[in-house]
C-alpha atoms as a PDB file:
ATOM      1  CA  MET A   1      -4.298  12.299 -24.396  1.00  0.00           C
ATOM      2  CA  PHE A   2      -2.954   8.860 -23.494  1.00  0.00           C
ATOM      3  CA  PHE A   3      -4.103   6.346 -20.934  1.00  0.00           C
ATOM      4  CA  VAL A   4      -4.077   2.584 -20.943  1.00  0.00           C
ATOM      5  CA  TYR A   5      -5.280  -0.236 -18.715  1.00  0.00           C
ATOM      6  CA  TYR A   6      -3.210  -3.302 -19.450  1.00  0.00           C
ATOM      7  CA  CYS A   7      -2.975  -6.841 -18.274  1.00  0.00           C
ATOM      8  CA  SER A   8      -0.302  -7.759 -20.798  1.00  0.00           C
ATOM      9  CA  LEU A   9       3.155  -9.270 -20.610  1.00  0.00           C
ATOM     10  CA  LEU A  10       6.079  -7.153 -21.774  1.00  0.00           C
ATOM     11  CA  LYS A  11       9.444  -8.225 -23.183  1.00  0.00           C
ATOM     12  CA  ASN A  12      10.346  -9.685 -19.819  1.00  0.00           C
ATOM     13  CA  GLN A  13       7.841 -12.485 -19.432  1.00  0.00           C
ATOM     14  CA  ASN A  14       7.957 -12.150 -15.644  1.00  0.00           C
ATOM     15  CA  LEU A  15       6.754  -8.534 -15.826  1.00  0.00           C
ATOM     16  CA  LYS A  16       3.038  -7.815 -16.246  1.00  0.00           C
ATOM     17  CA  GLN A  17       1.732  -4.280 -16.651  1.00  0.00           C
ATOM     18  CA  LEU A  18      -1.660  -3.578 -15.076  1.00  0.00           C
ATOM     19  CA  PHE A  19      -1.807   0.210 -15.457  1.00  0.00           C
ATOM     20  CA  ASN A  20      -0.008   2.837 -17.490  1.00  0.00           C
ATOM     21  CA  ILE A  21      -1.583   6.274 -17.021  1.00  0.00           C
ATOM     22  CA  SER A  22      -0.319   9.611 -18.307  1.00  0.00           C
ATOM     23  CA  GLY A  23      -1.486  12.851 -19.895  1.00  0.00           C
ATOM     24  CA  ASN A  24      -0.230  15.189 -22.598  1.00  0.00           C
ATOM     25  CA  ILE A  25       2.218  17.036 -20.358  1.00  0.00           C
ATOM     26  CA  SER A  26       5.466  15.432 -19.222  1.00  0.00           C
ATOM     27  CA  PRO A  27       6.003  16.239 -15.517  1.00  0.00           C
ATOM     28  CA  ASP A  28       9.016  18.388 -14.649  1.00  0.00           C
ATOM     29  CA  PRO A  29      11.069  16.269 -12.183  1.00  0.00           C
ATOM     30  CA  ALA A  30      12.433  19.366 -10.428  1.00  0.00           C
ATOM     31  CA  GLU A  31       8.855  20.384  -9.563  1.00  0.00           C
ATOM     32  CA  SER A  32       7.495  16.901  -8.876  1.00  0.00           C
ATOM     33  CA  ILE A  33       7.238  14.246  -6.181  1.00  0.00           C
ATOM     34  CA  LEU A  34       7.921  10.617  -7.056  1.00  0.00           C
ATOM     35  CA  MET A  35       5.895   8.082  -5.069  1.00  0.00           C
ATOM     36  CA  LEU A  36       6.841   4.415  -5.040  1.00  0.00           C
ATOM     37  CA  GLU A  37       4.985   1.457  -3.526  1.00  0.00           C
ATOM     38  CA  LEU A  38       6.756  -1.882  -3.524  1.00  0.00           C
ATOM     39  CA  GLY A  39       5.487  -5.182  -2.133  1.00  0.00           C
ATOM     40  CA  GLU A  40       5.563  -8.902  -2.759  1.00  0.00           C
ATOM     41  CA  GLN A  41       5.388  -9.317  -6.535  1.00  0.00           C
ATOM     42  CA  TYR A  42       4.085  -5.844  -7.386  1.00  0.00           C
ATOM     43  CA  CYS A  43       5.328  -2.291  -7.793  1.00  0.00           C
ATOM     44  CA  CYS A  44       3.460   0.983  -8.364  1.00  0.00           C
ATOM     45  CA  MET A  45       5.085   4.329  -9.191  1.00  0.00           C
ATOM     46  CA  ALA A  46       3.457   7.737  -9.630  1.00  0.00           C
ATOM     47  CA  VAL A  47       4.579  11.301 -10.258  1.00  0.00           C
ATOM     48  CA  MET A  48       2.725  14.165  -8.586  1.00  0.00           C
ATOM     49  CA  ASN A  49       3.143  17.891  -9.132  1.00  0.00           C
ATOM     50  CA  ARG A  50       4.688  19.334  -5.979  1.00  0.00           C
ATOM     51  CA  ASN A  51       2.750  22.607  -6.012  1.00  0.00           C
ATOM     52  CA  GLY A  52      -0.768  21.477  -6.912  1.00  0.00           C
ATOM     53  CA  HIS A  53      -0.450  17.895  -5.591  1.00  0.00           C
ATOM     54  CA  GLU A  54      -1.922  16.647  -8.854  1.00  0.00           C
ATOM     55  CA  ALA A  55      -1.016  13.105  -9.900  1.00  0.00           C
ATOM     56  CA  GLU A  56       0.051  13.148 -13.544  1.00  0.00           C
ATOM     57  CA  ARG A  57       1.734   9.803 -14.218  1.00  0.00           C
ATOM     58  CA  LEU A  58       1.356   6.261 -12.879  1.00  0.00           C
ATOM     59  CA  VAL A  59       2.526   2.769 -13.754  1.00  0.00           C
ATOM     60  CA  TYR A  60       1.644  -0.449 -11.941  1.00  0.00           C
ATOM     61  CA  TYR A  61       3.377  -3.788 -12.527  1.00  0.00           C
ATOM     62  CA  GLU A  62       3.304  -7.288 -11.154  1.00  0.00           C
ATOM     63  CA  GLY A  63       6.195  -9.731 -11.342  1.00  0.00           C
ATOM     64  CA  THR A  64       7.173 -13.136 -10.051  1.00  0.00           C
ATOM     65  CA  ASN A  65      10.577 -11.977  -8.771  1.00  0.00           C
ATOM     66  CA  GLU A  66      10.346  -8.855  -6.624  1.00  0.00           C
ATOM     67  CA  GLU A  67      14.138  -8.472  -6.553  1.00  0.00           C
ATOM     68  CA  GLN A  68      14.135  -7.838 -10.314  1.00  0.00           C
ATOM     69  CA  LEU A  69      10.831  -5.964 -10.457  1.00  0.00           C
ATOM     70  CA  LEU A  70      12.144  -2.441  -9.825  1.00  0.00           C
ATOM     71  CA  ASP A  71      15.087  -2.903 -12.209  1.00  0.00           C
ATOM     72  CA  ASN A  72      12.719  -4.078 -14.935  1.00  0.00           C
ATOM     73  CA  ILE A  73      10.412  -1.086 -14.480  1.00  0.00           C
ATOM     74  CA  MET A  74      13.341   1.329 -14.579  1.00  0.00           C
ATOM     75  CA  ALA A  75      14.464  -0.279 -17.834  1.00  0.00           C
ATOM     76  CA  GLU A  76      10.978   0.114 -19.341  1.00  0.00           C
ATOM     77  CA  HIS A  77      10.433   3.692 -18.057  1.00  0.00           C
ATOM     78  CA  GLN A  78      13.574   5.806 -18.106  1.00  0.00           C
ATOM     79  CA  GLU A  79      11.680   8.857 -16.779  1.00  0.00           C
ATOM     80  CA  PHE A  80      11.635   7.352 -13.275  1.00  0.00           C
ATOM     81  CA  LYS A  81      15.430   7.609 -13.154  1.00  0.00           C
ATOM     82  CA  ASN A  82      15.221  11.416 -13.078  1.00  0.00           C
ATOM     83  CA  HIS A  83      16.112  13.490 -10.012  1.00  0.00           C
ATOM     84  CA  TYR A  84      12.856  14.499  -8.338  1.00  0.00           C
ATOM     85  CA  ALA A  85      12.251  17.225  -5.798  1.00  0.00           C
ATOM     86  CA  GLU A  86      11.095  14.585  -3.325  1.00  0.00           C
ATOM     87  CA  VAL A  87      10.807  10.792  -3.254  1.00  0.00           C
ATOM     88  CA  LEU A  88       8.304   9.003  -0.994  1.00  0.00           C
ATOM     89  CA  ILE A  89       8.493   5.218  -0.616  1.00  0.00           C
ATOM     90  CA  ASN A  90       5.813   2.865   0.685  1.00  0.00           C
ATOM     91  CA  TYR A  91       6.949  -0.690   1.511  1.00  0.00           C
ATOM     92  CA  SER A  92       4.142  -3.219   1.570  1.00  0.00           C
ATOM     93  CA  PHE A  93       5.873  -6.425   2.642  1.00  0.00           C
ATOM     94  CA  PRO A  94       3.766  -8.329   5.185  1.00  0.00           C
ATOM     95  CA  GLN A  95       6.550  -9.143   7.676  1.00  0.00           C
ATOM     96  CA  SER A  96       5.617  -6.626  10.373  1.00  0.00           C
ATOM     97  CA  VAL A  97       4.967  -6.512  14.118  1.00  0.00           C
ATOM     98  CA  MET A  98       3.446  -3.780  16.258  1.00  0.00           C
ATOM     99  CA  ALA A  99       5.456  -3.276  19.469  1.00  0.00           C
ATOM    100  CA  PRO A 100       4.048  -1.213  22.385  1.00  0.00           C
ATOM    101  CA  SER A 101       6.018   2.014  22.669  1.00  0.00           C
ATOM    102  CA  LYS A 102       6.903   1.589  26.344  1.00  0.00           C
ATOM    103  CA  PHE A 103       8.485  -1.810  25.703  1.00  0.00           C
ATOM    104  CA  TYR A 104      10.076  -1.079  22.331  1.00  0.00           C
ATOM    105  CA  THR A 105      13.757  -1.463  21.540  1.00  0.00           C
ATOM    106  CA  TYR A 106      15.178  -1.985  18.070  1.00  0.00           C
ATOM    107  CA  GLU A 107      16.861  -5.264  19.033  1.00  0.00           C
ATOM    108  CA  ASP A 108      13.711  -6.664  20.659  1.00  0.00           C
ATOM    109  CA  GLY A 109      11.712  -5.699  17.569  1.00  0.00           C
ATOM    110  CA  ARG A 110      14.212  -7.527  15.382  1.00  0.00           C
ATOM    111  CA  LYS A 111      13.991 -10.622  17.584  1.00  0.00           C
ATOM    112  CA  MET A 112      10.189 -10.594  17.442  1.00  0.00           C
ATOM    113  CA  LEU A 113      10.328 -10.541  13.641  1.00  0.00           C
ATOM    114  CA  GLN A 114      12.746 -13.476  13.648  1.00  0.00           C
ATOM    115  CA  LEU A 115      10.537 -15.477  16.025  1.00  0.00           C
ATOM    116  CA  ILE A 116       7.430 -14.916  13.893  1.00  0.00           C
ATOM    117  CA  TYR A 117       8.845 -15.011  10.361  1.00  0.00           C
ATOM    118  CA  GLY A 118      12.182 -16.789  10.740  1.00  0.00           C
ATOM    119  CA  ASN A 119      15.570 -15.514   9.625  1.00  0.00           C
ATOM    120  CA  GLU A 120      16.226 -17.487   6.448  1.00  0.00           C
ATOM    121  CA  LYS A 121      16.453 -14.390   4.225  1.00  0.00           C
ATOM    122  CA  GLU A 122      18.764 -11.401   4.395  1.00  0.00           C
ATOM    123  CA  VAL A 123      16.573  -8.462   5.385  1.00  0.00           C
ATOM    124  CA  ALA A 124      16.753  -4.822   6.388  1.00  0.00           C
ATOM    125  CA  VAL A 125      14.776  -4.067   9.554  1.00  0.00           C
ATOM    126  CA  LEU A 126      13.051  -0.670   9.680  1.00  0.00           C
ATOM    127  CA  SER A 127      10.668   0.872  12.191  1.00  0.00           C
ATOM    128  CA  GLU A 128       8.235   3.771  12.572  1.00  0.00           C
ATOM    129  CA  HIS A 129       6.752   5.355  15.658  1.00  0.00           C
ATOM    130  CA  LEU A 130       2.947   5.623  15.707  1.00  0.00           C
ATOM    131  CA  PRO A 131       2.324   7.830  18.755  1.00  0.00           C
ATOM    132  CA  GLU A 132      -1.466   7.903  18.248  1.00  0.00           C
ATOM    133  CA  TYR A 133      -1.479   4.137  18.870  1.00  0.00           C
ATOM    134  CA  GLN A 134       1.400   4.034  21.404  1.00  0.00           C
ATOM    135  CA  ALA A 135       3.206   1.584  19.137  1.00  0.00           C
ATOM    136  CA  TYR A 136       6.169   1.070  16.845  1.00  0.00           C
ATOM    137  CA  ASN A 137       5.723  -0.683  13.521  1.00  0.00           C
ATOM    138  CA  VAL A 138       8.810  -2.876  13.080  1.00  0.00           C
ATOM    139  CA  TYR A 139       9.094  -4.503   9.673  1.00  0.00           C
ATOM    140  CA  GLU A 140      11.326  -6.336   7.250  1.00  0.00           C
ATOM    141  CA  VAL A 141      12.289  -5.459   3.695  1.00  0.00           C
ATOM    142  CA  PRO A 142      14.416  -7.842   1.593  1.00  0.00           C
ATOM    143  CA  LYS A 143      17.942  -6.469   1.890  1.00  0.00           C
ATOM    144  CA  LYS A 144      18.672  -6.483  -1.840  1.00  0.00           C
ATOM    145  CA  ILE A 145      15.492  -4.530  -2.515  1.00  0.00           C
ATOM    146  CA  HIS A 146      16.147  -1.899   0.170  1.00  0.00           C
ATOM    147  CA  SER A 147      19.742  -1.508  -1.017  1.00  0.00           C
ATOM    148  CA  ARG A 148      18.572  -1.100  -4.622  1.00  0.00           C
ATOM    149  CA  VAL A 149      15.964   1.492  -3.654  1.00  0.00           C
ATOM    150  CA  SER A 150      18.421   3.356  -1.402  1.00  0.00           C
ATOM    151  CA  MET A 151      21.016   3.547  -4.179  1.00  0.00           C
ATOM    152  CA  GLN A 152      18.494   4.748  -6.762  1.00  0.00           C
ATOM    153  CA  PHE A 153      16.756   7.270  -4.489  1.00  0.00           C
ATOM    154  CA  HIS A 154      19.370   8.659  -2.089  1.00  0.00           C
ATOM    155  CA  SER A 155      17.038  11.147  -0.393  1.00  0.00           C
ATOM    156  CA  GLY A 156      13.980   8.879  -0.310  1.00  0.00           C
ATOM    157  CA  LYS A 157      11.706   8.854   2.739  1.00  0.00           C
ATOM    158  CA  TYR A 158      10.364   5.458   3.816  1.00  0.00           C
ATOM    159  CA  TRP A 159       7.213   4.139   5.432  1.00  0.00           C
ATOM    160  CA  HIS A 160       5.450   0.825   5.722  1.00  0.00           C
ATOM    161  CA  ASN A 161       1.985   0.555   4.173  1.00  0.00           C
ATOM    162  CA  TYR A 162       0.425  -0.208   7.575  1.00  0.00           C
ATOM    163  CA  SER A 163       1.969   2.981   8.974  1.00  0.00           C
ATOM    164  CA  SER A 164       0.845   5.183   6.093  1.00  0.00           C
ATOM    165  CA  VAL A 165      -2.733   3.870   6.369  1.00  0.00           C
ATOM    166  CA  LEU A 166      -2.830   4.511  10.113  1.00  0.00           C
ATOM    167  CA  LYS A 167      -1.345   7.983   9.685  1.00  0.00           C
ATOM    168  CA  GLY A 168      -4.020   8.719   7.081  1.00  0.00           C
ATOM    169  CA  MET A 169      -6.952   7.830   9.326  1.00  0.00           C
ATOM    170  CA  SER A 170      -8.888  10.889  10.455  1.00  0.00           C
ATOM    171  CA  GLY A 171     -11.273   9.363  12.982  1.00  0.00           C
ATOM    172  CA  SER A 172     -14.223  10.017  10.670  1.00  0.00           C
ATOM    173  CA  GLU A 173     -14.278   6.303   9.857  1.00  0.00           C
ATOM    174  CA  GLY A 174     -15.762   5.611  13.293  1.00  0.00           C
ATOM    175  CA  ALA A 175     -14.779   3.613  16.355  1.00  0.00           C
ATOM    176  CA  ASN A 176     -14.967   0.129  14.781  1.00  0.00           C
ATOM    177  CA  VAL A 177     -13.420  -0.212  11.369  1.00  0.00           C
ATOM    178  CA  PHE A 178     -11.571  -2.651   9.099  1.00  0.00           C
ATOM    179  CA  MET A 179      -9.206  -0.893   6.673  1.00  0.00           C
ATOM    180  CA  ILE A 180      -8.780  -3.444   3.859  1.00  0.00           C
ATOM    181  CA  ASP A 181      -6.437  -3.120   0.874  1.00  0.00           C
ATOM    182  CA  PHE A 182      -6.553  -5.630  -1.998  1.00  0.00           C
ATOM    183  CA  LYS A 183      -3.714  -6.677  -4.242  1.00  0.00           C
ATOM    184  CA  THR A 184      -3.684  -9.618  -6.650  1.00  0.00           C
ATOM    185  CA  GLY A 185      -4.018 -12.763  -4.542  1.00  0.00           C
ATOM    186  CA  GLN A 186      -3.681 -11.055  -1.167  1.00  0.00           C
ATOM    187  CA  PHE A 187      -5.233  -8.419   1.057  1.00  0.00           C
ATOM    188  CA  SER A 188      -4.138  -6.564   4.170  1.00  0.00           C
ATOM    189  CA  VAL A 189      -6.477  -5.669   7.020  1.00  0.00           C
ATOM    190  CA  ILE A 190      -6.076  -3.175   9.851  1.00  0.00           C
ATOM    191  CA  VAL A 191      -8.599  -3.633  12.661  1.00  0.00           C
ATOM    192  CA  ILE A 192      -9.636  -0.774  14.937  1.00  0.00           C
ATOM    193  CA  LYS A 193     -12.033  -1.556  17.794  1.00  0.00           C
ATOM    194  CA  GLU A 194     -13.339   1.277  19.963  1.00  0.00           C
ATOM    195  CA  GLN A 195     -10.603   3.448  18.427  1.00  0.00           C
ATOM    196  CA  GLN A 196      -7.884   1.043  19.614  1.00  0.00           C
ATOM    197  CA  LEU A 197      -5.580  -0.802  17.231  1.00  0.00           C
ATOM    198  CA  GLN A 198      -6.200  -4.550  17.441  1.00  0.00           C
ATOM    199  CA  LEU A 199      -4.669  -6.241  14.392  1.00  0.00           C
ATOM    200  CA  VAL A 200      -2.573  -5.647  11.287  1.00  0.00           C
ATOM    201  CA  GLN A 201      -2.097  -8.620   9.000  1.00  0.00           C
ATOM    202  CA  THR A 202      -1.877  -9.692   5.355  1.00  0.00           C
ATOM    203  CA  PHE A 203      -3.715 -12.755   4.057  1.00  0.00           C
ATOM    204  CA  ALA A 204      -3.469 -14.724   0.814  1.00  0.00           C
ATOM    205  CA  TYR A 205      -6.718 -15.555  -0.958  1.00  0.00           C
ATOM    206  CA  ALA A 206      -7.850 -17.370  -4.097  1.00  0.00           C
ATOM    207  CA  GLU A 207     -11.586 -16.627  -4.151  1.00  0.00           C
ATOM    208  CA  PRO A 208     -14.144 -14.350  -2.412  1.00  0.00           C
ATOM    209  CA  ALA A 209     -15.048 -17.073   0.090  1.00  0.00           C
ATOM    210  CA  ASP A 210     -11.495 -16.927   1.468  1.00  0.00           C
ATOM    211  CA  VAL A 211     -11.812 -13.200   2.168  1.00  0.00           C
ATOM    212  CA  LEU A 212     -15.181 -13.652   3.868  1.00  0.00           C
ATOM    213  CA  TYR A 213     -13.812 -16.485   6.008  1.00  0.00           C
ATOM    214  CA  TYR A 214     -10.920 -14.363   7.324  1.00  0.00           C
ATOM    215  CA  LEU A 215     -13.034 -11.258   7.958  1.00  0.00           C
ATOM    216  CA  LEU A 216     -15.790 -13.143   9.770  1.00  0.00           C
ATOM    217  CA  LYS A 217     -13.183 -15.004  11.828  1.00  0.00           C
ATOM    218  CA  ILE A 218     -11.612 -11.667  12.809  1.00  0.00           C
ATOM    219  CA  CYS A 219     -15.052 -10.387  13.837  1.00  0.00           C
ATOM    220  CA  HIS A 220     -15.558 -13.451  16.022  1.00  0.00           C
ATOM    221  CA  SER A 221     -12.042 -13.280  17.542  1.00  0.00           C
ATOM    222  CA  PHE A 222     -12.437  -9.637  18.580  1.00  0.00           C
ATOM    223  CA  SER A 223     -16.158  -9.792  19.469  1.00  0.00           C
ATOM    224  CA  MET A 224     -17.109  -7.403  16.676  1.00  0.00           C
ATOM    225  CA  SER A 225     -20.381  -7.646  14.779  1.00  0.00           C
ATOM    226  CA  PRO A 226     -20.600  -7.631  10.943  1.00  0.00           C
ATOM    227  CA  GLN A 227     -23.754  -5.570  11.548  1.00  0.00           C
ATOM    228  CA  THR A 228     -21.867  -2.669  13.102  1.00  0.00           C
ATOM    229  CA  VAL A 229     -18.271  -2.698  11.830  1.00  0.00           C
ATOM    230  CA  LEU A 230     -17.358  -0.467   8.876  1.00  0.00           C
ATOM    231  CA  LEU A 231     -15.339  -1.956   6.018  1.00  0.00           C
ATOM    232  CA  VAL A 232     -13.215   0.635   4.179  1.00  0.00           C
ATOM    233  CA  LEU A 233     -11.962  -0.914   0.935  1.00  0.00           C
ATOM    234  CA  SER A 234      -9.049   0.118  -1.254  1.00  0.00           C
ATOM    235  CA  GLY A 235      -6.870  -1.409  -3.920  1.00  0.00           C
ATOM    236  CA  LEU A 236      -7.845  -3.786  -6.701  1.00  0.00           C
ATOM    237  CA  ILE A 237     -11.533  -4.340  -5.963  1.00  0.00           C
ATOM    238  CA  ASP A 238     -14.383  -3.087  -8.110  1.00  0.00           C
ATOM    239  CA  LYS A 239     -17.966  -2.334  -7.106  1.00  0.00           C
ATOM    240  CA  GLN A 240     -19.219  -4.684  -9.833  1.00  0.00           C
ATOM    241  CA  SER A 241     -17.097  -7.624  -8.665  1.00  0.00           C
ATOM    242  CA  ALA A 242     -18.360 -10.803  -7.020  1.00  0.00           C
ATOM    243  CA  LEU A 243     -16.065 -10.092  -4.076  1.00  0.00           C
ATOM    244  CA  TYR A 244     -17.680  -6.723  -3.408  1.00  0.00           C
ATOM    245  CA  ARG A 245     -21.174  -8.202  -3.671  1.00  0.00           C
ATOM    246  CA  ASP A 246     -20.303 -10.925  -1.170  1.00  0.00           C
ATOM    247  CA  LEU A 247     -18.859  -8.400   1.291  1.00  0.00           C
ATOM    248  CA  TYR A 248     -21.951  -6.211   0.919  1.00  0.00           C
ATOM    249  CA  ASN A 249     -24.195  -9.229   1.652  1.00  0.00           C
ATOM    250  CA  TYR A 250     -22.424 -10.023   4.928  1.00  0.00           C
ATOM    251  CA  PHE A 251     -21.494  -6.546   6.184  1.00  0.00           C
ATOM    252  CA  VAL A 252     -23.973  -3.700   6.593  1.00  0.00           C
ATOM    253  CA  TYR A 253     -21.483  -0.834   6.251  1.00  0.00           C
ATOM    254  CA  VAL A 254     -19.108  -0.966   3.277  1.00  0.00           C
ATOM    255  CA  SER A 255     -17.356   2.002   1.678  1.00  0.00           C
ATOM    256  CA  PHE A 256     -14.348   2.785  -0.500  1.00  0.00           C
ATOM    257  CA  LYS A 257     -11.248   4.592   0.750  1.00  0.00           C
ATOM    258  CA  ARG A 258     -11.038   8.228  -0.229  1.00  0.00           C
ATOM    259  CA  ASN A 259      -7.718   9.686  -1.293  1.00  0.00           C
ATOM    260  CA  PRO A 260      -6.313  12.450   0.923  1.00  0.00           C
ATOM    261  CA  ASP A 261      -8.074  15.776   0.327  1.00  0.00           C
ATOM    262  CA  SER A 262      -4.789  17.320  -0.792  1.00  0.00           C
ATOM    263  CA  ILE A 263      -4.474  14.882  -3.714  1.00  0.00           C
ATOM    264  CA  LYS A 264      -5.857  15.803  -7.119  1.00  0.00           C
ATOM    265  CA  LEU A 265      -6.063  13.422 -10.058  1.00  0.00           C
ATOM    266  CA  SER A 266      -5.496  14.609 -13.614  1.00  0.00           C
ATOM    267  CA  TYR A 267      -8.088  13.836 -16.295  1.00  0.00           C
ATOM    268  CA  SER A 268      -6.066  10.753 -17.278  1.00  0.00           C
ATOM    269  CA  PHE A 269      -7.176   9.018 -14.071  1.00  0.00           C
ATOM    270  CA  ALA A 270     -10.908   9.568 -14.668  1.00  0.00           C
ATOM    271  CA  LYS A 271     -11.315   6.118 -16.204  1.00  0.00           C
ATOM    272  CA  TYR A 272     -10.322   4.346 -12.995  1.00  0.00           C
ATOM    273  CA  PRO A 273     -11.820   4.171  -9.489  1.00  0.00           C
ATOM    274  CA  SER A 274      -9.697   6.468  -7.306  1.00  0.00           C
ATOM    275  CA  HIS A 275      -9.453   3.875  -4.507  1.00  0.00           C
ATOM    276  CA  PHE A 276      -7.359   1.619  -6.791  1.00  0.00           C
ATOM    277  CA  PHE A 277      -4.276   3.667  -5.863  1.00  0.00           C
ATOM    278  CA  SER A 278      -5.147   5.098  -2.454  1.00  0.00           C
ATOM    279  CA  SER A 279      -2.482   3.049  -0.628  1.00  0.00           C
ATOM    280  CA  LEU A 280       0.132   4.846  -2.738  1.00  0.00           C
ATOM    281  CA  PHE A 281      -1.478   8.276  -2.371  1.00  0.00           C
ATOM    282  CA  ASN A 282      -1.530   7.887   1.438  1.00  0.00           C
ATOM    283  CA  LEU A 283       2.120   8.901   1.163  1.00  0.00           C
ATOM    284  CA  ALA A 284       1.019  12.479   0.513  1.00  0.00           C
ATOM    285  CA  ILE A 285       0.001  12.710   4.186  1.00  0.00           C
ATOM    286  CA  CYS A 286       3.203  11.096   5.434  1.00  0.00           C
ATOM    287  CA  GLY A 287       5.347  13.426   3.364  1.00  0.00           C
ATOM    288  CA  SER A 288       3.524  16.630   4.323  1.00  0.00           C
END
């Protein structure tokens, strides 16, 4: 049995490994699904058995140059260059706008992105229809990154993290909910009020007070009470952390995101809270 939780620098000093999880059995690529999540300065990859939907392998890295991040991981882990039965890709870059379906055109979506985020960088513009919310998620991915991913995984299927979270919501969370996903130094929040989508946005933060400030400001802006809204947390937040304690002191209802029911975790994952990787495992719903 082999599993490791790292926060160490590898040969490439810009590449930091946070997690490296595997078991005794090497997954058979022909019978497996590769899942990839790629965002600003981090990348997570996992291999899941296609028949039992059991996750068997996972690596998670951070890096200061996202354009080199995937190449560096491929160099460190040759097994991810195999040909898998299916490849599911979750982009988590924050440059995104939600356009109402009845007004949506690709060109207008592109112009909205340029107005909000500028057009200094070369980007690929992708979009996904979210019929449950009568909206299109239009988003940017750095062009070099999308080209690199497309060349490596020719048959890959793509989604944005906001889209995969929304597709994974069952309604059991309630009418008023904040879906919050934490990465190092940033968190994304999806706000649902009375079962209507209100906000999707990513914020940078340095300390717990920053997170509280943004969440309380959102509550005030949308006339939502910290006493009634449900926070559903995922990503790199632990129940013993100061951040969790502060959230629990200000919000009455706080829970952790459950992975899709179809996902099973091998014994190698038992050491880690399952919500650490739920943004990646949301892809199981998108791909089904």
